[in-house]
Amino acid sequence: MTVYRKVFWCADCTSGFYDEDDLYDHCEWEDHYPGTDGFGCYLLEHARIKGHSRYECDDCGRLFVTEDARTKHEVEAHFFCRECDRFFQSINNIKQHLNSRTHRGQEIKCPFCPNSYTTATGMTHHLESGSCRNAPSLNRDSIYQFVRSKDPSGLISKKLIGWEGTSQNTYTCTDRAWNGYRWECYLCHKGFNTSHGLNQHLNSPAHQQNLYHCPNRSCRQDFKTLAAIINHLESEKCGAMRFEQVQKSIHGMVNGNRLIGY
């Protein structure tokens, strides 16, 4: 007769623990809810012994009912990509890896041309910079006006009273910008190896008005372009949104839905 050990399990991610204290440590850290004490605990152990559940972390031996739960644990606890059989040094490093073309391909499609991109940031920069051959009228200003129409409460867009758009003047540096070492921007003193590089900088949004802000009230960082704020949200640096939520929100925006549910 097989005697099954009691397993304490998490109701949210179905992780299993032989020690009850380990379960509560896990739930406190992950903000999960402990499962009900009872037969289910023994059932999970039965499934492990009988091979009904084969999802065990190779690194620490923790038990999981689903493969997705084990994958999530290996990423967040051990910075391990099972598909690539590769460990990373930090959670940020493995998130960048999982969100790269290696795993995601180019799933974000431009709504106007055949171009595809790995992330929403890439697609947005393509439109905002006027690079789409099928939508040459789109630029930073027209994108901002479109976002404002989808974001009436100003969740991510700034309410700029009296804003008349970006100047359409083209700026070209003179020989006076050469400081003997590099071509220097007189506004921010950033140096460039060529005059062409400086001219690109002068005609970029670098010194234009901020149009967007982070929706996280504890962050509220300002941004000059939609691509910049999307890149900030995709990084999950301030915890405002998850990477996948950003991709879905941008997909909804370009298909005519409300911008972001936050």
Protein backbone atom coordinates (compact mmCIF):
# COMPACT_ATOMS: atom_id res chain seq x y z
CA MET A 1 0.00 0.00 0.00
CA THR A 2 1.37 3.39 -0.97
CA VAL A 3 1.40 6.05 1.74
CA TYR A 4 1.05 9.51 0.33
CA ARG A 5 2.77 12.49 1.89
CA LYS A 6 0.65 15.55 2.53
CA VAL A 7 1.23 18.39 0.11
CA PHE A 8 0.21 21.97 0.84
CA TRP A 9 -0.86 23.66 -2.38
CA CYS A 10 -1.42 27.14 -3.76
CA ALA A 11 -4.93 27.75 -5.08
CA ASP A 12 -3.78 30.39 -7.58
CA CYS A 13 -0.88 28.71 -9.39
CA THR A 14 -1.26 25.11 -8.07
CA SER A 15 2.30 24.95 -6.75
CA GLY A 16 2.79 22.17 -4.19
CA PHE A 17 4.86 22.24 -0.98
CA TYR A 18 5.66 19.53 1.55
CA ASP A 19 6.05 22.15 4.29
CA GLU A 20 3.14 24.43 5.21
CA ASP A 21 5.48 27.31 6.07
CA ASP A 22 6.93 27.14 2.55
CA LEU A 23 3.42 27.50 1.14
CA TYR A 24 2.67 30.61 3.18
CA ASP A 25 6.05 32.12 2.30
CA HIS A 26 5.22 31.52 -1.37
CA CYS A 27 1.72 33.04 -1.06
CA GLU A 28 3.02 36.10 0.76
CA TRP A 29 5.72 36.68 -1.86
CA GLU A 30 3.49 36.07 -4.90
CA ASP A 31 0.31 37.57 -3.36
CA HIS A 32 -1.45 34.23 -3.94
CA TYR A 33 -4.03 32.36 -1.85
CA PRO A 34 -3.30 29.04 -0.08
CA GLY A 35 -5.44 26.10 -1.09
CA THR A 36 -7.94 24.43 1.21
CA ASP A 37 -6.34 21.92 3.60
CA GLY A 38 -7.70 18.45 2.92
CA PHE A 39 -8.00 15.63 0.42
CA GLY A 40 -6.71 17.74 -2.47
CA CYS A 41 -3.31 17.89 -0.78
CA TYR A 42 -3.01 14.11 -0.82
CA LEU A 43 -4.44 13.96 -4.33
CA LEU A 44 -1.64 16.16 -5.64
CA GLU A 45 0.96 13.86 -4.05
CA HIS A 46 -0.85 10.83 -5.49
CA ALA A 47 -0.71 12.39 -8.94
CA ARG A 48 3.03 13.03 -8.56
CA ILE A 49 3.82 9.46 -7.49
CA LYS A 50 1.60 7.83 -10.12
CA GLY A 51 2.96 10.00 -12.87
CA HIS A 52 -0.34 11.76 -13.49
CA SER A 53 1.42 15.07 -12.95
CA ARG A 54 4.95 15.27 -14.31
CA TYR A 55 5.62 18.98 -13.83
CA GLU A 56 8.46 19.25 -11.35
CA CYS A 57 11.08 21.99 -11.27
CA ASP A 58 14.46 20.41 -12.08
CA ASP A 59 16.26 23.07 -10.09
CA CYS A 60 14.43 23.01 -6.74
CA GLY A 61 12.02 20.08 -6.98
CA ARG A 62 8.82 22.06 -6.46
CA LEU A 63 5.65 20.43 -7.78
CA PHE A 64 3.22 21.89 -10.31
CA VAL A 65 -0.06 20.63 -11.68
CA THR A 66 0.34 22.45 -15.00
CA GLU A 67 3.27 22.98 -17.31
CA ASP A 68 2.52 26.70 -17.53
CA ALA A 69 2.77 27.04 -13.74
CA ARG A 70 6.16 25.32 -13.77
CA THR A 71 7.40 27.52 -16.62
CA LYS A 72 6.30 30.68 -14.80
CA HIS A 73 8.12 29.51 -11.65
CA GLU A 74 11.32 28.66 -13.53
CA VAL A 75 11.35 32.08 -15.18
CA GLU A 76 10.61 34.11 -12.05
CA ALA A 77 12.51 32.07 -9.45
CA HIS A 78 15.48 30.70 -11.41
CA PHE A 79 15.67 32.99 -14.49
CA PHE A 80 15.59 29.85 -16.61
CA CYS A 81 14.29 29.48 -20.17
CA ARG A 82 13.32 25.84 -20.60
CA GLU A 83 12.84 26.11 -24.36
CA CYS A 84 16.41 27.36 -24.84
CA ASP A 85 17.84 25.43 -21.85
CA ARG A 86 19.48 28.64 -20.69
CA PHE A 87 19.85 30.50 -17.39
CA PHE A 88 20.01 34.30 -17.12
CA GLN A 89 21.53 36.60 -14.52
CA SER A 90 18.38 38.55 -13.62
CA ILE A 91 14.63 38.68 -14.10
CA ASN A 92 15.03 41.67 -16.44
CA ASN A 93 17.48 39.74 -18.64
CA ILE A 94 15.21 36.74 -19.07
CA LYS A 95 12.16 38.96 -19.71
CA GLN A 96 14.06 40.74 -22.47
CA HIS A 97 15.00 37.33 -23.89
CA LEU A 98 11.40 36.03 -23.77
CA ASN A 99 10.11 39.22 -25.40
CA SER A 100 12.73 39.15 -28.15
CA ARG A 101 12.33 37.97 -31.73
CA THR A 102 13.74 34.58 -30.69
CA HIS A 103 10.50 33.73 -28.89
CA ARG A 104 7.96 36.18 -30.22
CA GLY A 105 8.86 36.42 -33.89
CA GLN A 106 7.28 39.46 -35.54
CA GLU A 107 3.63 39.28 -34.52
CA ILE A 108 2.79 43.00 -34.38
CA LYS A 109 1.60 44.05 -37.83
CA CYS A 110 1.39 47.55 -39.20
CA PRO A 111 -2.30 48.32 -39.90
CA PHE A 112 -1.40 50.06 -43.16
CA CYS A 113 1.43 48.09 -44.80
CA PRO A 114 2.86 44.53 -44.79
CA ASN A 115 5.61 45.35 -42.25
CA SER A 116 5.67 43.34 -39.02
CA TYR A 117 7.46 44.00 -35.72
CA THR A 118 8.44 42.11 -32.61
CA THR A 119 6.92 44.63 -30.19
CA ALA A 120 4.39 47.43 -30.13
CA THR A 121 7.26 49.89 -29.71
CA GLY A 122 8.70 48.98 -33.11
CA MET A 123 5.38 49.28 -34.90
CA THR A 124 4.58 52.60 -33.21
CA HIS A 125 7.97 54.10 -34.09
CA HIS A 126 7.42 52.99 -37.69
CA LEU A 127 4.18 55.02 -37.86
CA GLU A 128 5.26 57.94 -35.69
CA SER A 129 8.43 58.59 -37.67
CA GLY A 130 6.50 58.77 -40.96
CA SER A 131 8.21 55.63 -42.29
CA CYS A 132 5.07 53.82 -43.44
CA ARG A 133 4.85 54.18 -47.20
CA ASN A 134 1.09 53.58 -47.14
CA ALA A 135 0.46 56.23 -44.48
CA PRO A 136 2.96 59.04 -45.19
CA SER A 137 0.75 61.63 -43.49
CA LEU A 138 1.18 59.96 -40.10
CA ASN A 139 3.74 61.52 -37.79
CA ARG A 140 4.28 62.42 -34.15
CA ASP A 141 1.61 65.12 -34.19
CA SER A 142 -1.13 63.15 -35.96
CA ILE A 143 -0.47 60.11 -33.77
CA TYR A 144 -0.79 62.31 -30.66
CA GLN A 145 -4.11 63.72 -31.90
CA PHE A 146 -5.36 60.19 -32.55
CA VAL A 147 -4.30 59.02 -29.08
CA ARG A 148 -5.98 62.03 -27.47
CA SER A 149 -9.25 61.07 -29.21
CA LYS A 150 -8.94 57.56 -27.72
CA ASP A 151 -7.79 58.79 -24.33
CA PRO A 152 -10.23 61.55 -23.31
CA SER A 153 -9.43 61.18 -19.60
CA GLY A 154 -5.71 61.80 -20.20
CA LEU A 155 -4.58 58.45 -18.84
CA ILE A 156 -1.34 58.53 -20.84
CA SER A 157 -1.68 61.66 -23.01
CA LYS A 158 -1.13 65.17 -21.72
CA LYS A 159 -3.92 67.71 -22.07
CA LEU A 160 -2.01 70.50 -23.78
CA ILE A 161 -4.12 73.66 -23.87
CA GLY A 162 -3.33 75.80 -26.90
CA TRP A 163 -1.05 73.17 -28.46
CA GLU A 164 -0.70 73.87 -32.18
CA GLY A 165 1.59 71.05 -33.14
CA THR A 166 5.28 70.67 -33.74
CA SER A 167 7.10 73.21 -35.87
CA GLN A 168 7.62 71.91 -39.39
CA ASN A 169 10.87 73.81 -39.80
CA THR A 170 13.99 71.85 -40.72
CA TYR A 171 17.08 72.64 -38.70
CA THR A 172 20.61 72.41 -40.06
CA CYS A 173 23.71 72.94 -37.98
CA THR A 174 26.48 75.33 -39.01
CA ASP A 175 30.25 74.98 -38.75
CA ARG A 176 30.04 76.73 -35.38
CA ALA A 177 28.60 73.49 -33.93
CA TRP A 178 32.04 71.87 -34.28
CA ASN A 179 33.81 72.22 -30.91
CA GLY A 180 37.14 70.82 -32.06
CA TYR A 181 36.25 67.29 -31.07
CA ARG A 182 32.63 66.60 -31.99
CA TRP A 183 29.51 68.22 -33.44
CA GLU A 184 27.76 69.65 -30.37
CA CYS A 185 24.08 70.35 -29.79
CA TYR A 186 23.82 73.86 -28.33
CA LEU A 187 20.67 72.88 -26.38
CA CYS A 188 21.82 69.74 -24.54
CA HIS A 189 25.55 69.76 -25.42
CA LYS A 190 25.38 66.18 -26.64
CA GLY A 191 28.17 65.38 -29.10
CA PHE A 192 27.96 63.64 -32.48
CA ASN A 193 30.62 62.24 -34.79
CA THR A 194 29.11 63.81 -37.90
CA SER A 195 27.11 66.91 -38.78
CA HIS A 196 24.48 64.59 -40.26
CA GLY A 197 24.07 62.92 -36.86
CA LEU A 198 23.62 66.32 -35.19
CA ASN A 199 21.08 67.39 -37.82
CA GLN A 200 19.07 64.21 -37.21
CA HIS A 201 19.13 64.97 -33.50
CA LEU A 202 18.00 68.60 -34.04
CA ASN A 203 15.06 67.48 -36.18
CA SER A 204 14.06 64.63 -33.86
CA PRO A 205 11.61 64.95 -30.93
CA ALA A 206 14.58 65.17 -28.52
CA HIS A 207 13.90 68.83 -27.67
CA GLN A 208 10.18 68.88 -28.42
CA GLN A 209 7.35 69.17 -25.90
CA ASN A 210 6.40 66.13 -23.79
CA LEU A 211 3.12 64.67 -25.05
CA TYR A 212 2.65 61.64 -22.79
CA HIS A 213 3.05 60.54 -19.19
CA CYS A 214 3.19 57.16 -17.44
CA PRO A 215 -0.25 56.14 -16.06
CA ASN A 216 1.32 54.92 -12.81
CA ARG A 217 0.73 57.70 -10.27
CA SER A 218 3.91 56.77 -8.41
CA CYS A 219 5.95 57.16 -11.62
CA ARG A 220 4.39 59.84 -13.86
CA GLN A 221 7.49 59.99 -16.05
CA ASP A 222 7.03 62.19 -19.14
CA PHE A 223 7.68 61.16 -22.74
CA LYS A 224 7.94 62.99 -26.04
CA THR A 225 6.69 60.18 -28.29
CA LEU A 226 4.15 57.37 -28.10
CA ALA A 227 6.90 54.88 -28.94
CA ALA A 228 8.87 56.06 -25.90
CA ILE A 229 6.04 55.57 -23.42
CA ILE A 230 5.15 52.19 -24.93
CA ASN A 231 8.78 51.12 -24.57
CA HIS A 232 8.65 52.25 -20.91
CA LEU A 233 5.48 50.23 -20.28
CA GLU A 234 6.85 47.17 -22.08
CA SER A 235 9.90 47.22 -19.81
CA GLU A 236 7.62 46.80 -16.76
CA LYS A 237 10.07 49.01 -14.84
CA CYS A 238 7.40 50.75 -12.80
CA GLY A 239 4.83 47.94 -12.81
CA ALA A 240 2.16 49.99 -14.57
CA MET A 241 1.32 47.24 -17.06
CA ARG A 242 2.43 43.78 -18.09
CA PHE A 243 4.21 43.36 -21.42
CA GLU A 244 1.36 41.33 -22.93
CA GLN A 245 -1.22 43.87 -21.80
CA VAL A 246 0.68 46.59 -23.68
CA GLN A 247 0.64 44.54 -26.89
CA LYS A 248 -3.12 43.93 -26.58
CA SER A 249 -3.83 47.58 -25.79
CA ILE A 250 -1.96 48.84 -28.85
CA HIS A 251 -3.69 46.23 -31.00
CA GLY A 252 -7.03 47.48 -29.70
CA MET A 253 -6.08 51.09 -30.33
CA VAL A 254 -5.15 50.61 -33.98
CA ASN A 255 -8.35 48.63 -34.51
CA GLY A 256 -10.51 51.46 -33.24
CA ASN A 257 -11.10 50.49 -29.61
CA ARG A 258 -10.40 52.48 -26.45
CA LEU A 259 -6.71 52.95 -25.77
CA ILE A 260 -5.81 51.37 -22.44
CA GLY A 261 -7.67 49.74 -19.60
CA TYR A 262 -5.55 50.41 -16.54
